[in-house]
Amino acid sequence: MQARFLRPAESEVAEAIAYFDDRREGLGDRFEKDLRSTVNLIIAYPLSGKPLTKRVRKSPLRKFQYNVIYVVDEQEIIILAVAHHRRRPGYWHTRLTEIR
């Protein structure tokens, strides 16, 4: 199984990396590594994330206050959002219309 990021989720990742790099050199790389590790865990254990709805799950990053919001599809894992723990909860709901 593989993971696919929706375009808005890709943008969130790029914004977070840029933000952390502005804060401290190399911090964006650490964020990206933490995200990659979490996504690999989701790929290995797709149902390990906490259910948010019947279809949607979330899995937290280990070192950063972000969640990976995703749907397990028959053929792939679709990443809806890479969301900060405390900002705009549930904003990603409208992205469900972008998946089949």
Protein backbone atom coordinates (compact mmCIF):
# COMPACT_ATOMS: atom_id res chain seq x y z
CA MET A 1 0.00 0.00 0.00
CA GLN A 2 1.14 3.54 -0.64
CA ALA A 3 0.20 6.99 0.62
CA ARG A 4 -1.00 9.90 -1.52
CA PHE A 5 -1.21 13.46 -0.25
CA LEU A 6 -4.02 15.68 -1.48
CA ARG A 7 -2.67 18.95 -2.91
CA PRO A 8 -3.87 21.03 0.08
CA ALA A 9 -2.06 18.61 2.41
CA GLU A 10 1.11 18.94 0.32
CA SER A 11 0.82 22.71 0.70
CA GLU A 12 0.44 22.37 4.47
CA VAL A 13 3.62 20.29 4.60
CA ALA A 14 5.56 22.85 2.55
CA GLU A 15 4.26 25.71 4.74
CA ALA A 16 5.17 23.88 7.95
CA ILE A 17 8.67 23.07 6.70
CA ALA A 18 9.24 26.71 5.70
CA TYR A 19 7.89 27.93 9.05
CA PHE A 20 10.15 25.62 11.05
CA ASP A 21 13.18 26.46 8.88
CA ASP A 22 12.55 30.16 9.59
CA ARG A 23 12.51 29.39 13.30
CA ARG A 24 15.73 27.38 13.40
CA GLU A 25 18.04 25.95 10.78
CA GLY A 26 17.39 22.25 10.25
CA LEU A 27 14.08 22.25 12.13
CA GLY A 28 12.12 21.89 8.89
CA ASP A 29 14.17 18.79 8.08
CA ARG A 30 13.35 17.35 11.50
CA PHE A 31 9.65 18.02 10.88
CA GLU A 32 9.84 16.32 7.48
CA LYS A 33 11.63 13.30 8.98
CA ASP A 34 9.00 13.02 11.74
CA LEU A 35 6.22 13.26 9.14
CA ARG A 36 7.84 10.61 6.94
CA SER A 37 8.18 8.29 9.93
CA THR A 38 4.51 8.75 10.83
CA VAL A 39 3.36 8.15 7.25
CA ASN A 40 5.48 4.99 7.06
CA LEU A 41 3.85 3.78 10.28
CA ILE A 42 0.42 4.48 8.80
CA ILE A 43 1.34 2.54 5.66
CA ALA A 44 2.48 -0.43 7.76
CA TYR A 45 -0.53 -0.27 10.13
CA PRO A 46 -3.33 1.63 8.37
CA LEU A 47 -5.93 1.07 11.08
CA SER A 48 -3.64 2.16 13.92
CA GLY A 49 -4.76 5.80 13.81
CA LYS A 50 -7.53 7.04 16.06
CA PRO A 51 -10.89 7.06 14.24
CA LEU A 52 -12.39 10.54 13.82
CA THR A 53 -15.33 9.50 11.65
CA LYS A 54 -16.40 6.26 10.02
CA ARG A 55 -13.78 6.76 7.26
CA VAL A 56 -11.25 9.23 8.65
CA ARG A 57 -8.41 8.55 11.08
CA LYS A 58 -5.65 10.61 12.64
CA SER A 59 -2.15 9.75 13.70
CA PRO A 60 0.05 12.20 15.63
CA LEU A 61 3.61 13.04 14.77
CA ARG A 62 5.98 11.99 17.54
CA LYS A 63 7.91 15.23 18.05
CA PHE A 64 5.73 17.97 16.59
CA GLN A 65 2.20 19.01 17.52
CA TYR A 66 0.69 17.91 14.22
CA ASN A 67 -1.64 15.12 13.15
CA VAL A 68 -1.79 13.28 9.87
CA ILE A 69 -5.47 13.09 8.92
CA TYR A 70 -6.10 10.24 6.49
CA VAL A 71 -8.53 7.83 4.86
CA VAL A 72 -7.73 4.18 4.19
CA ASP A 73 -8.95 3.43 0.69
CA GLU A 74 -8.96 -0.01 -0.94
CA GLN A 75 -5.73 0.67 -2.84
CA GLU A 76 -4.05 3.54 -1.02
CA ILE A 77 -3.93 5.79 1.99
CA ILE A 78 -5.13 9.28 1.21
CA ILE A 79 -3.64 12.04 3.36
CA LEU A 80 -6.30 14.72 3.74
CA ALA A 81 -4.36 17.07 5.98
CA VAL A 82 -1.25 17.60 8.06
CA ALA A 83 -2.90 19.61 10.79
CA HIS A 84 -1.60 21.40 13.85
CA HIS A 85 -3.16 20.04 17.03
CA ARG A 86 -4.78 23.32 18.06
CA ARG A 87 -5.52 25.22 14.87
CA ARG A 88 -8.89 25.13 13.12
CA PRO A 89 -10.13 21.69 14.18
CA GLY A 90 -12.14 19.91 11.52
CA TYR A 91 -11.26 22.30 8.68
CA TRP A 92 -10.25 19.32 6.54
CA HIS A 93 -13.85 17.93 6.36
CA THR A 94 -14.47 19.70 3.03
CA ARG A 95 -11.56 17.77 1.51
CA LEU A 96 -13.51 14.54 1.72
CA THR A 97 -15.28 15.60 -1.47
CA GLU A 98 -11.91 15.45 -3.29
CA ILE A 99 -11.59 11.69 -2.85
CA ARG A 100 -13.54 9.03 -4.65
